[in-house]
Amino acid sequence: MENRPYLCEKLGIKHPIILAPMFLVSNTEMVVAALKSGITAAIPALNYRSTEALRDAIRSIKKQHSGAFGINLIVNKSNIYLKEQLNVCCDEKISFIISSLGSPAETIKLAHHAGVLVFCDVTSLKYAKKVEQQGADAIIAVSKEAGGHAGTLSFLELINSLKTECKLPIISAGGISNNETYHERLKLNIGGVSIGSIFIATNECPVSMEYKQACIDYGAKDIVMTTKLSGTPCTVINTPYVQQVGTKQTWWQFLLNKNKRIKKWVKALLFFRGMKRLERAAFGSTYKTVWCAGPAIENVHEIRSIEAIVTELTSTK
């Protein structure tokens, strides 16, 4: 009998798909819809203004469905709430944590003590080997086709490099937009996939209709990388406003980021300012909007339910 993909085996789900955590986009309704569709999902902890709100969201999901789901934690110094968020995840015994943008060593240690799995975002073999040594349960291979904080290697380059020297299960992130790309990815004999951008234009998604429509109107060629939001490269839709303000940090932001004495606080400030800008754009529409998305929106043509998208993705036709 053929082995089931890692995500199905470990989380008890029908299809090896994570509805990827998207800042200000993911919410409890999307997670519950994902679970009902036979996949799993995760929400960024920073989508909530307090740790108690995060706790309430986790409990709300558990009341509506018994399926496995996770929380995404930013584990670098820009996230001043990390310790509190991690404690909530461990207290509530969520199924898994997705770690991003930093060393997950302490997160892995505390999560494992609570019986919580940790999947680590990686963009290179070097970082994958580090988190493997730290005890990660799986790696999410973030390719250059991903939305948000994308990598620099194509999904095929990255997966092939990880398979050579890393023994952890691989979850591929980036560029999966339809039935064909989903099944092509699984043929690489990986543990599962993480898919985000195509779920923005869904009935369950809480963002503005303008944001959803942008995912329909724009395509892969309209996705650009910017460092102006948080200081970390991030993919956004190349709207007229983005074209006007540019995608590079200003000279003073660059210099402050290089100052060792204040680097931590500068990163935190830039991150906070960038996230507030994304929040305004996600839930309202003005000329000055910055919408985060990946090239997978190329195959978004209408607003649908999460169930309809999962059904289309996973169909064997």
C-alpha atoms as a PDB file:
ATOM      1  CA  MET A   1       0.000   0.000   0.000  1.00  0.00           C
ATOM      2  CA  GLU A   2       1.309   3.438  -0.935  1.00  0.00           C
ATOM      3  CA  ASN A   3       2.369   5.617   2.015  1.00  0.00           C
ATOM      4  CA  ARG A   4       0.142   8.572   2.824  1.00  0.00           C
ATOM      5  CA  PRO A   5       1.772  12.035   2.670  1.00  0.00           C
ATOM      6  CA  TYR A   6       3.240  13.264   5.949  1.00  0.00           C
ATOM      7  CA  LEU A   7       0.535  15.871   6.585  1.00  0.00           C
ATOM      8  CA  CYS A   8      -2.253  13.332   6.144  1.00  0.00           C
ATOM      9  CA  GLU A   9      -0.541  10.780   8.339  1.00  0.00           C
ATOM     10  CA  LYS A  10       0.463  13.182  11.090  1.00  0.00           C
ATOM     11  CA  LEU A  11      -2.627  15.405  11.215  1.00  0.00           C
ATOM     12  CA  GLY A  12      -5.337  12.966  10.160  1.00  0.00           C
ATOM     13  CA  ILE A  13      -6.500  15.062   7.210  1.00  0.00           C
ATOM     14  CA  LYS A  14      -7.840  13.863   3.844  1.00  0.00           C
ATOM     15  CA  HIS A  15      -5.697  16.046   1.576  1.00  0.00           C
ATOM     16  CA  PRO A  16      -2.058  17.070   2.332  1.00  0.00           C
ATOM     17  CA  ILE A  17      -2.731  20.804   2.185  1.00  0.00           C
ATOM     18  CA  ILE A  18      -2.131  23.635   4.637  1.00  0.00           C
ATOM     19  CA  LEU A  19      -4.217  26.722   3.975  1.00  0.00           C
ATOM     20  CA  ALA A  20      -1.229  28.968   4.591  1.00  0.00           C
ATOM     21  CA  PRO A  21      -1.248  31.578   7.360  1.00  0.00           C
ATOM     22  CA  MET A  22      -1.689  35.027   5.796  1.00  0.00           C
ATOM     23  CA  PHE A  23      -1.259  38.214   7.794  1.00  0.00           C
ATOM     24  CA  LEU A  24      -4.649  39.915   8.346  1.00  0.00           C
ATOM     25  CA  VAL A  25      -6.251  37.565   5.826  1.00  0.00           C
ATOM     26  CA  SER A  26      -6.569  34.285   7.742  1.00  0.00           C
ATOM     27  CA  ASN A  27      -9.355  34.055  10.309  1.00  0.00           C
ATOM     28  CA  THR A  28     -11.316  31.446  12.258  1.00  0.00           C
ATOM     29  CA  GLU A  29     -13.992  31.133   9.572  1.00  0.00           C
ATOM     30  CA  MET A  30     -11.366  30.251   6.969  1.00  0.00           C
ATOM     31  CA  VAL A  31      -9.783  27.671   9.268  1.00  0.00           C
ATOM     32  CA  VAL A  32     -13.091  25.975  10.027  1.00  0.00           C
ATOM     33  CA  ALA A  33     -13.991  25.915   6.310  1.00  0.00           C
ATOM     34  CA  ALA A  34     -10.596  24.367   5.562  1.00  0.00           C
ATOM     35  CA  LEU A  35     -11.078  21.677   8.202  1.00  0.00           C
ATOM     36  CA  LYS A  36     -14.532  20.854   6.849  1.00  0.00           C
ATOM     37  CA  SER A  37     -12.964  20.521   3.379  1.00  0.00           C
ATOM     38  CA  GLY A  38     -10.504  17.882   4.536  1.00  0.00           C
ATOM     39  CA  ILE A  39      -7.365  20.023   4.798  1.00  0.00           C
ATOM     40  CA  THR A  40      -5.644  21.906   7.611  1.00  0.00           C
ATOM     41  CA  ALA A  41      -4.941  25.614   8.092  1.00  0.00           C
ATOM     42  CA  ALA A  42      -2.990  28.064  10.216  1.00  0.00           C
ATOM     43  CA  ILE A  43      -3.457  31.650  11.386  1.00  0.00           C
ATOM     44  CA  PRO A  44      -0.683  34.157  12.165  1.00  0.00           C
ATOM     45  CA  ALA A  45      -0.697  34.911  15.891  1.00  0.00           C
ATOM     46  CA  LEU A  46      -0.153  38.577  15.003  1.00  0.00           C
ATOM     47  CA  ASN A  47      -3.634  38.684  13.440  1.00  0.00           C
ATOM     48  CA  TYR A  48      -4.847  39.188  17.012  1.00  0.00           C
ATOM     49  CA  ARG A  49      -4.345  42.318  19.085  1.00  0.00           C
ATOM     50  CA  SER A  50      -3.821  40.409  22.336  1.00  0.00           C
ATOM     51  CA  THR A  51      -2.868  36.958  23.516  1.00  0.00           C
ATOM     52  CA  GLU A  52      -6.316  36.556  25.037  1.00  0.00           C
ATOM     53  CA  ALA A  53      -7.885  37.247  21.638  1.00  0.00           C
ATOM     54  CA  LEU A  54      -5.582  34.578  20.206  1.00  0.00           C
ATOM     55  CA  ARG A  55      -6.673  32.150  22.919  1.00  0.00           C
ATOM     56  CA  ASP A  56     -10.347  32.910  22.228  1.00  0.00           C
ATOM     57  CA  ALA A  57      -9.825  32.284  18.492  1.00  0.00           C
ATOM     58  CA  ILE A  58      -8.199  28.892  19.141  1.00  0.00           C
ATOM     59  CA  ARG A  59     -11.025  27.865  21.461  1.00  0.00           C
ATOM     60  CA  SER A  60     -13.633  29.068  18.966  1.00  0.00           C
ATOM     61  CA  ILE A  61     -12.175  26.861  16.235  1.00  0.00           C
ATOM     62  CA  LYS A  62     -12.054  23.861  18.560  1.00  0.00           C
ATOM     63  CA  LYS A  63     -15.735  24.312  19.437  1.00  0.00           C
ATOM     64  CA  GLN A  64     -16.668  24.251  15.753  1.00  0.00           C
ATOM     65  CA  HIS A  65     -14.430  21.427  14.546  1.00  0.00           C
ATOM     66  CA  SER A  66     -12.187  18.737  15.997  1.00  0.00           C
ATOM     67  CA  GLY A  67      -9.663  18.829  13.125  1.00  0.00           C
ATOM     68  CA  ALA A  68      -5.966  19.680  13.391  1.00  0.00           C
ATOM     69  CA  PHE A  69      -4.916  23.294  12.835  1.00  0.00           C
ATOM     70  CA  GLY A  70      -1.967  25.514  13.643  1.00  0.00           C
ATOM     71  CA  ILE A  71      -0.686  28.980  14.533  1.00  0.00           C
ATOM     72  CA  ASN A  72       2.105  30.847  12.748  1.00  0.00           C
ATOM     73  CA  LEU A  73       4.655  32.557  15.001  1.00  0.00           C
ATOM     74  CA  ILE A  74       7.220  35.162  13.953  1.00  0.00           C
ATOM     75  CA  VAL A  75      10.197  34.007  16.026  1.00  0.00           C
ATOM     76  CA  ASN A  76      12.666  36.848  15.479  1.00  0.00           C
ATOM     77  CA  LYS A  77      13.190  39.889  17.717  1.00  0.00           C
ATOM     78  CA  SER A  78      10.658  42.032  15.853  1.00  0.00           C
ATOM     79  CA  ASN A  79       7.879  40.046  17.564  1.00  0.00           C
ATOM     80  CA  ILE A  80       7.843  41.338  21.116  1.00  0.00           C
ATOM     81  CA  TYR A  81       4.808  39.147  21.907  1.00  0.00           C
ATOM     82  CA  LEU A  82       6.442  35.829  20.987  1.00  0.00           C
ATOM     83  CA  LYS A  83       6.779  34.417  24.500  1.00  0.00           C
ATOM     84  CA  GLU A  84       3.145  35.114  25.365  1.00  0.00           C
ATOM     85  CA  GLN A  85       1.884  33.762  22.023  1.00  0.00           C
ATOM     86  CA  LEU A  86       3.946  30.605  22.377  1.00  0.00           C
ATOM     87  CA  ASN A  87       2.604  30.037  25.892  1.00  0.00           C
ATOM     88  CA  VAL A  88      -0.971  30.282  24.600  1.00  0.00           C
ATOM     89  CA  CYS A  89      -0.257  27.782  21.800  1.00  0.00           C
ATOM     90  CA  CYS A  90       1.244  25.356  24.283  1.00  0.00           C
ATOM     91  CA  ASP A  91      -1.485  25.848  26.888  1.00  0.00           C
ATOM     92  CA  GLU A  92      -4.211  25.240  24.304  1.00  0.00           C
ATOM     93  CA  LYS A  93      -2.268  22.317  22.795  1.00  0.00           C
ATOM     94  CA  ILE A  94      -2.798  23.255  19.174  1.00  0.00           C
ATOM     95  CA  SER A  95      -1.701  20.652  16.609  1.00  0.00           C
ATOM     96  CA  PHE A  96       1.249  22.527  15.154  1.00  0.00           C
ATOM     97  CA  ILE A  97       3.185  25.778  15.050  1.00  0.00           C
ATOM     98  CA  ILE A  98       4.671  27.261  11.880  1.00  0.00           C
ATOM     99  CA  SER A  99       7.805  29.247  12.733  1.00  0.00           C
ATOM    100  CA  SER A 100       8.932  32.108  10.492  1.00  0.00           C
ATOM    101  CA  LEU A 101      11.726  34.701  10.256  1.00  0.00           C
ATOM    102  CA  GLY A 102      14.169  33.699  12.963  1.00  0.00           C
ATOM    103  CA  SER A 103      15.687  30.917  15.046  1.00  0.00           C
ATOM    104  CA  PRO A 104      12.982  28.499  16.252  1.00  0.00           C
ATOM    105  CA  ALA A 105      15.185  26.717  18.816  1.00  0.00           C
ATOM    106  CA  GLU A 106      13.342  27.873  21.938  1.00  0.00           C
ATOM    107  CA  THR A 107       9.955  27.557  20.224  1.00  0.00           C
ATOM    108  CA  ILE A 108      10.689  23.932  19.279  1.00  0.00           C
ATOM    109  CA  LYS A 109      11.845  23.095  22.794  1.00  0.00           C
ATOM    110  CA  LEU A 110       8.761  24.482  24.535  1.00  0.00           C
ATOM    111  CA  ALA A 111       6.311  23.274  21.887  1.00  0.00           C
ATOM    112  CA  HIS A 112       7.595  19.705  22.024  1.00  0.00           C
ATOM    113  CA  HIS A 113       7.316  19.752  25.809  1.00  0.00           C
ATOM    114  CA  ALA A 114       3.602  20.504  25.307  1.00  0.00           C
ATOM    115  CA  GLY A 115       3.195  17.886  22.561  1.00  0.00           C
ATOM    116  CA  VAL A 116       2.902  20.461  19.763  1.00  0.00           C
ATOM    117  CA  LEU A 117       4.558  19.886  16.370  1.00  0.00           C
ATOM    118  CA  VAL A 118       6.739  22.599  14.796  1.00  0.00           C
ATOM    119  CA  PHE A 119       7.013  23.142  11.045  1.00  0.00           C
ATOM    120  CA  CYS A 120       9.709  25.665  10.103  1.00  0.00           C
ATOM    121  CA  ASP A 121       9.682  27.997   7.103  1.00  0.00           C
ATOM    122  CA  VAL A 122      12.979  27.658   5.230  1.00  0.00           C
ATOM    123  CA  THR A 123      14.288  29.188   2.017  1.00  0.00           C
ATOM    124  CA  SER A 124      17.597  27.333   1.767  1.00  0.00           C
ATOM    125  CA  LEU A 125      19.360  24.070   2.595  1.00  0.00           C
ATOM    126  CA  LYS A 126      21.601  25.898   5.078  1.00  0.00           C
ATOM    127  CA  TYR A 127      18.662  27.021   7.197  1.00  0.00           C
ATOM    128  CA  ALA A 128      16.869  23.678   6.798  1.00  0.00           C
ATOM    129  CA  LYS A 129      19.873  21.867   8.276  1.00  0.00           C
ATOM    130  CA  LYS A 130      19.907  24.292  11.208  1.00  0.00           C
ATOM    131  CA  VAL A 131      16.256  23.695  12.124  1.00  0.00           C
ATOM    132  CA  GLU A 132      16.707  19.958  11.622  1.00  0.00           C
ATOM    133  CA  GLN A 133      19.473  20.017  14.232  1.00  0.00           C
ATOM    134  CA  GLN A 134      17.194  22.034  16.515  1.00  0.00           C
ATOM    135  CA  GLY A 135      14.518  19.325  16.337  1.00  0.00           C
ATOM    136  CA  ALA A 136      11.952  20.620  13.846  1.00  0.00           C
ATOM    137  CA  ASP A 137       9.272  18.120  12.831  1.00  0.00           C
ATOM    138  CA  ALA A 138       9.016  19.251   9.196  1.00  0.00           C
ATOM    139  CA  ILE A 139      10.185  22.061   6.937  1.00  0.00           C
ATOM    140  CA  ILE A 140       8.073  24.331   4.782  1.00  0.00           C
ATOM    141  CA  ALA A 141      10.108  24.985   1.637  1.00  0.00           C
ATOM    142  CA  VAL A 142       9.274  28.598   0.767  1.00  0.00           C
ATOM    143  CA  SER A 143      10.162  29.143  -2.896  1.00  0.00           C
ATOM    144  CA  LYS A 144      10.421  32.282  -4.987  1.00  0.00           C
ATOM    145  CA  GLU A 145       6.918  31.542  -6.305  1.00  0.00           C
ATOM    146  CA  ALA A 146       5.450  32.045  -2.821  1.00  0.00           C
ATOM    147  CA  GLY A 147       3.411  35.018  -1.663  1.00  0.00           C
ATOM    148  CA  GLY A 148       4.417  37.186   1.293  1.00  0.00           C
ATOM    149  CA  HIS A 149       7.964  36.563   2.499  1.00  0.00           C
ATOM    150  CA  ALA A 150       9.090  34.529  -0.513  1.00  0.00           C
ATOM    151  CA  GLY A 151      12.371  32.722  -1.060  1.00  0.00           C
ATOM    152  CA  THR A 152      14.968  33.097  -3.817  1.00  0.00           C
ATOM    153  CA  LEU A 153      14.981  29.590  -5.319  1.00  0.00           C
ATOM    154  CA  SER A 154      12.360  27.979  -7.549  1.00  0.00           C
ATOM    155  CA  PHE A 155      10.278  25.282  -5.886  1.00  0.00           C
ATOM    156  CA  LEU A 156      12.071  22.557  -7.843  1.00  0.00           C
ATOM    157  CA  GLU A 157      15.565  23.874  -7.036  1.00  0.00           C
ATOM    158  CA  LEU A 158      14.701  24.200  -3.373  1.00  0.00           C
ATOM    159  CA  ILE A 159      13.021  20.800  -2.999  1.00  0.00           C
ATOM    160  CA  ASN A 160      15.836  19.007  -4.816  1.00  0.00           C
ATOM    161  CA  SER A 161      18.489  20.680  -2.648  1.00  0.00           C
ATOM    162  CA  LEU A 162      16.608  19.825   0.552  1.00  0.00           C
ATOM    163  CA  LYS A 163      16.194  16.185  -0.428  1.00  0.00           C
ATOM    164  CA  THR A 164      19.957  15.753  -0.818  1.00  0.00           C
ATOM    165  CA  GLU A 165      20.999  16.421   2.779  1.00  0.00           C
ATOM    166  CA  CYS A 166      17.876  16.934   4.882  1.00  0.00           C
ATOM    167  CA  LYS A 167      15.816  14.053   6.255  1.00  0.00           C
ATOM    168  CA  LEU A 168      12.835  16.060   7.465  1.00  0.00           C
ATOM    169  CA  PRO A 169       9.445  15.863   5.692  1.00  0.00           C
ATOM    170  CA  ILE A 170       9.147  18.642   3.092  1.00  0.00           C
ATOM    171  CA  ILE A 171       6.036  20.797   2.697  1.00  0.00           C
ATOM    172  CA  SER A 172       6.230  22.853  -0.505  1.00  0.00           C
ATOM    173  CA  ALA A 173       5.051  26.471  -0.499  1.00  0.00           C
ATOM    174  CA  GLY A 174       4.703  28.708  -3.541  1.00  0.00           C
ATOM    175  CA  GLY A 175       3.159  28.633  -6.995  1.00  0.00           C
ATOM    176  CA  ILE A 176       0.350  26.116  -6.466  1.00  0.00           C
ATOM    177  CA  SER A 177      -2.683  27.623  -8.102  1.00  0.00           C
ATOM    178  CA  ASN A 178      -4.797  24.880  -9.704  1.00  0.00           C
ATOM    179  CA  ASN A 179      -5.376  21.152 -10.071  1.00  0.00           C
ATOM    180  CA  GLU A 180      -2.436  20.666 -12.424  1.00  0.00           C
ATOM    181  CA  THR A 181       0.165  22.408 -10.279  1.00  0.00           C
ATOM    182  CA  TYR A 182      -1.117  20.662  -7.133  1.00  0.00           C
ATOM    183  CA  HIS A 183      -0.765  17.160  -8.561  1.00  0.00           C
ATOM    184  CA  GLU A 184       2.576  17.991 -10.191  1.00  0.00           C
ATOM    185  CA  ARG A 185       3.933  19.038  -6.812  1.00  0.00           C
ATOM    186  CA  LEU A 186       2.769  15.872  -5.058  1.00  0.00           C
ATOM    187  CA  LYS A 187       4.528  13.767  -7.704  1.00  0.00           C
ATOM    188  CA  LEU A 188       7.795  15.024  -6.184  1.00  0.00           C
ATOM    189  CA  ASN A 189       7.101  12.672  -3.272  1.00  0.00           C
ATOM    190  CA  ILE A 190       6.864  15.361  -0.605  1.00  0.00           C
ATOM    191  CA  GLY A 191       4.974  15.559   2.666  1.00  0.00           C
ATOM    192  CA  GLY A 192       2.395  18.072   1.507  1.00  0.00           C
ATOM    193  CA  VAL A 193       1.871  21.610   0.263  1.00  0.00           C
ATOM    194  CA  SER A 194       1.108  25.039   1.701  1.00  0.00           C
ATOM    195  CA  ILE A 195      -1.214  27.237  -0.361  1.00  0.00           C
ATOM    196  CA  GLY A 196      -2.244  30.817   0.390  1.00  0.00           C
ATOM    197  CA  SER A 197      -2.880  33.434  -2.297  1.00  0.00           C
ATOM    198  CA  ILE A 198      -5.679  31.636  -4.156  1.00  0.00           C
ATOM    199  CA  PHE A 199      -7.716  31.582  -0.939  1.00  0.00           C
ATOM    200  CA  ILE A 200      -7.839  35.389  -0.617  1.00  0.00           C
ATOM    201  CA  ALA A 201     -10.696  35.681  -3.129  1.00  0.00           C
ATOM    202  CA  THR A 202     -13.039  33.446  -1.136  1.00  0.00           C
ATOM    203  CA  ASN A 203     -16.419  33.911   0.515  1.00  0.00           C
ATOM    204  CA  GLU A 204     -14.957  33.165   3.944  1.00  0.00           C
ATOM    205  CA  CYS A 205     -12.049  35.607   3.684  1.00  0.00           C
ATOM    206  CA  PRO A 206     -12.586  38.788   5.762  1.00  0.00           C
ATOM    207  CA  VAL A 207     -10.718  41.276   3.531  1.00  0.00           C
ATOM    208  CA  SER A 208     -12.332  43.974   1.393  1.00  0.00           C
ATOM    209  CA  MET A 209     -14.018  43.231  -1.929  1.00  0.00           C
ATOM    210  CA  GLU A 210     -11.421  45.485  -3.567  1.00  0.00           C
ATOM    211  CA  TYR A 211      -8.599  43.248  -2.307  1.00  0.00           C
ATOM    212  CA  LYS A 212     -10.403  40.139  -3.561  1.00  0.00           C
ATOM    213  CA  GLN A 213     -11.095  41.769  -6.910  1.00  0.00           C
ATOM    214  CA  ALA A 214      -7.421  42.727  -7.230  1.00  0.00           C
ATOM    215  CA  CYS A 215      -6.536  39.032  -6.964  1.00  0.00           C
ATOM    216  CA  ILE A 216      -8.857  38.430  -9.909  1.00  0.00           C
ATOM    217  CA  ASP A 217      -7.818  41.418 -12.027  1.00  0.00           C
ATOM    218  CA  TYR A 218      -4.046  41.120 -11.613  1.00  0.00           C
ATOM    219  CA  GLY A 219      -1.802  38.170 -12.510  1.00  0.00           C
ATOM    220  CA  ALA A 220       1.628  36.651 -11.971  1.00  0.00           C
ATOM    221  CA  LYS A 221       3.371  39.386 -13.979  1.00  0.00           C
ATOM    222  CA  ASP A 222       1.953  41.995 -11.580  1.00  0.00           C
ATOM    223  CA  ILE A 223       3.629  40.605  -8.452  1.00  0.00           C
ATOM    224  CA  VAL A 224       6.707  42.519  -7.224  1.00  0.00           C
ATOM    225  CA  MET A 225       8.992  42.257  -4.198  1.00  0.00           C
ATOM    226  CA  THR A 226       9.141  45.169  -1.773  1.00  0.00           C
ATOM    227  CA  THR A 227      11.279  45.898   1.293  1.00  0.00           C
ATOM    228  CA  LYS A 228       9.347  49.054   2.213  1.00  0.00           C
ATOM    229  CA  LEU A 229       6.684  47.329   4.300  1.00  0.00           C
ATOM    230  CA  SER A 230       8.569  45.548   7.073  1.00  0.00           C
ATOM    231  CA  GLY A 231      12.211  45.678   6.067  1.00  0.00           C
ATOM    232  CA  THR A 232      11.996  42.021   5.028  1.00  0.00           C
ATOM    233  CA  PRO A 233      11.341  41.317   1.318  1.00  0.00           C
ATOM    234  CA  CYS A 234       7.626  40.750   0.736  1.00  0.00           C
ATOM    235  CA  THR A 235       5.561  40.191  -2.429  1.00  0.00           C
ATOM    236  CA  VAL A 236       2.765  42.631  -3.252  1.00  0.00           C
ATOM    237  CA  ILE A 237       0.498  43.444  -6.187  1.00  0.00           C
ATOM    238  CA  ASN A 238       2.091  46.134  -8.350  1.00  0.00           C
ATOM    239  CA  THR A 239      -0.744  48.654  -8.163  1.00  0.00           C
ATOM    240  CA  PRO A 240      -0.312  52.251  -9.419  1.00  0.00           C
ATOM    241  CA  TYR A 241       0.394  53.320  -5.824  1.00  0.00           C
ATOM    242  CA  VAL A 242       3.156  50.717  -5.381  1.00  0.00           C
ATOM    243  CA  GLN A 243       4.645  51.869  -8.674  1.00  0.00           C
ATOM    244  CA  GLN A 244       4.572  55.470  -7.423  1.00  0.00           C
ATOM    245  CA  VAL A 245       6.251  54.892  -4.050  1.00  0.00           C
ATOM    246  CA  GLY A 246       8.713  52.246  -5.243  1.00  0.00           C
ATOM    247  CA  THR A 247       9.740  48.959  -3.652  1.00  0.00           C
ATOM    248  CA  LYS A 248      13.123  49.793  -2.065  1.00  0.00           C
ATOM    249  CA  GLN A 249      13.817  51.014   1.455  1.00  0.00           C
ATOM    250  CA  THR A 250      14.757  54.648   1.854  1.00  0.00           C
ATOM    251  CA  TRP A 251      18.409  55.441   2.564  1.00  0.00           C
ATOM    252  CA  TRP A 252      17.692  56.229   6.225  1.00  0.00           C
ATOM    253  CA  GLN A 253      15.807  52.946   6.752  1.00  0.00           C
ATOM    254  CA  PHE A 254      18.736  51.060   5.234  1.00  0.00           C
ATOM    255  CA  LEU A 255      21.286  52.808   7.459  1.00  0.00           C
ATOM    256  CA  LEU A 256      19.249  52.343  10.631  1.00  0.00           C
ATOM    257  CA  ASN A 257      18.855  48.629   9.846  1.00  0.00           C
ATOM    258  CA  LYS A 258      22.659  48.339   9.741  1.00  0.00           C
ATOM    259  CA  ASN A 259      23.212  50.010  13.124  1.00  0.00           C
ATOM    260  CA  LYS A 260      23.938  47.139  15.544  1.00  0.00           C
ATOM    261  CA  ARG A 261      22.943  49.099  18.658  1.00  0.00           C
ATOM    262  CA  ILE A 262      19.423  49.933  17.510  1.00  0.00           C
ATOM    263  CA  LYS A 263      18.834  47.323  14.805  1.00  0.00           C
ATOM    264  CA  LYS A 264      16.395  45.296  16.932  1.00  0.00           C
ATOM    265  CA  TRP A 265      14.175  48.297  17.676  1.00  0.00           C
ATOM    266  CA  VAL A 266      14.312  49.633  14.127  1.00  0.00           C
ATOM    267  CA  LYS A 267      13.196  46.269  12.770  1.00  0.00           C
ATOM    268  CA  ALA A 268      10.341  46.157  15.267  1.00  0.00           C
ATOM    269  CA  LEU A 269       9.242  49.696  14.354  1.00  0.00           C
ATOM    270  CA  LEU A 270       9.413  49.054  10.601  1.00  0.00           C
ATOM    271  CA  PHE A 271       7.542  45.790  11.049  1.00  0.00           C
ATOM    272  CA  PHE A 272       4.807  47.481  13.091  1.00  0.00           C
ATOM    273  CA  ARG A 273       4.423  50.364  10.609  1.00  0.00           C
ATOM    274  CA  GLY A 274       4.324  47.959   7.669  1.00  0.00           C
ATOM    275  CA  MET A 275       1.717  45.752   9.270  1.00  0.00           C
ATOM    276  CA  LYS A 276      -0.504  48.744  10.068  1.00  0.00           C
ATOM    277  CA  ARG A 277      -0.313  49.792   6.440  1.00  0.00           C
ATOM    278  CA  LEU A 278      -1.337  46.299   5.315  1.00  0.00           C
ATOM    279  CA  GLU A 279      -4.206  46.355   7.814  1.00  0.00           C
ATOM    280  CA  ARG A 280      -5.584  49.579   6.358  1.00  0.00           C
ATOM    281  CA  ALA A 281      -5.293  48.166   2.850  1.00  0.00           C
ATOM    282  CA  ALA A 282      -6.862  44.807   3.675  1.00  0.00           C
ATOM    283  CA  PHE A 283     -10.061  46.172   5.154  1.00  0.00           C
ATOM    284  CA  GLY A 284     -10.515  49.424   3.277  1.00  0.00           C
ATOM    285  CA  SER A 285      -9.749  50.754  -0.152  1.00  0.00           C
ATOM    286  CA  THR A 286      -8.083  54.025  -1.037  1.00  0.00           C
ATOM    287  CA  TYR A 287      -5.594  55.070  -3.662  1.00  0.00           C
ATOM    288  CA  LYS A 288      -2.838  54.255  -1.168  1.00  0.00           C
ATOM    289  CA  THR A 289      -3.357  50.500  -0.948  1.00  0.00           C
ATOM    290  CA  VAL A 290      -0.729  47.782  -0.676  1.00  0.00           C
ATOM    291  CA  TRP A 291      -2.089  44.282  -1.192  1.00  0.00           C
ATOM    292  CA  CYS A 292       0.059  41.269  -0.380  1.00  0.00           C
ATOM    293  CA  ALA A 293      -0.250  38.269  -2.739  1.00  0.00           C
ATOM    294  CA  GLY A 294       1.802  35.769  -4.724  1.00  0.00           C
ATOM    295  CA  PRO A 295       1.976  34.875  -8.435  1.00  0.00           C
ATOM    296  CA  ALA A 296      -0.549  32.065  -7.921  1.00  0.00           C
ATOM    297  CA  ILE A 297      -3.313  34.677  -8.355  1.00  0.00           C
ATOM    298  CA  GLU A 298      -2.725  34.106 -12.084  1.00  0.00           C
ATOM    299  CA  ASN A 299      -5.358  31.372 -11.864  1.00  0.00           C
ATOM    300  CA  VAL A 300      -7.872  33.237  -9.700  1.00  0.00           C
ATOM    301  CA  HIS A 301     -10.857  34.166 -11.868  1.00  0.00           C
ATOM    302  CA  GLU A 302     -13.766  34.490  -9.448  1.00  0.00           C
ATOM    303  CA  ILE A 303     -14.706  34.600  -5.784  1.00  0.00           C
ATOM    304  CA  ARG A 304     -15.502  31.081  -4.595  1.00  0.00           C
ATOM    305  CA  SER A 305     -15.873  29.095  -1.388  1.00  0.00           C
ATOM    306  CA  ILE A 306     -12.864  27.415   0.202  1.00  0.00           C
ATOM    307  CA  GLU A 307     -14.607  24.069  -0.277  1.00  0.00           C
ATOM    308  CA  ALA A 308     -14.968  24.701  -4.030  1.00  0.00           C
ATOM    309  CA  ILE A 309     -11.274  25.533  -4.372  1.00  0.00           C
ATOM    310  CA  VAL A 310     -10.179  22.447  -2.413  1.00  0.00           C
ATOM    311  CA  THR A 311     -12.473  20.259  -4.496  1.00  0.00           C
ATOM    312  CA  GLU A 312     -11.035  21.646  -7.736  1.00  0.00           C
ATOM    313  CA  LEU A 313      -7.437  21.364  -6.508  1.00  0.00           C
ATOM    314  CA  THR A 314      -7.670  17.779  -5.346  1.00  0.00           C
ATOM    315  CA  SER A 315      -9.900  16.286  -8.039  1.00  0.00           C
ATOM    316  CA  THR A 316      -8.347  13.363  -9.898  1.00  0.00           C
ATOM    317  CA  LYS A 317     -10.630  13.981 -12.914  1.00  0.00           C
END
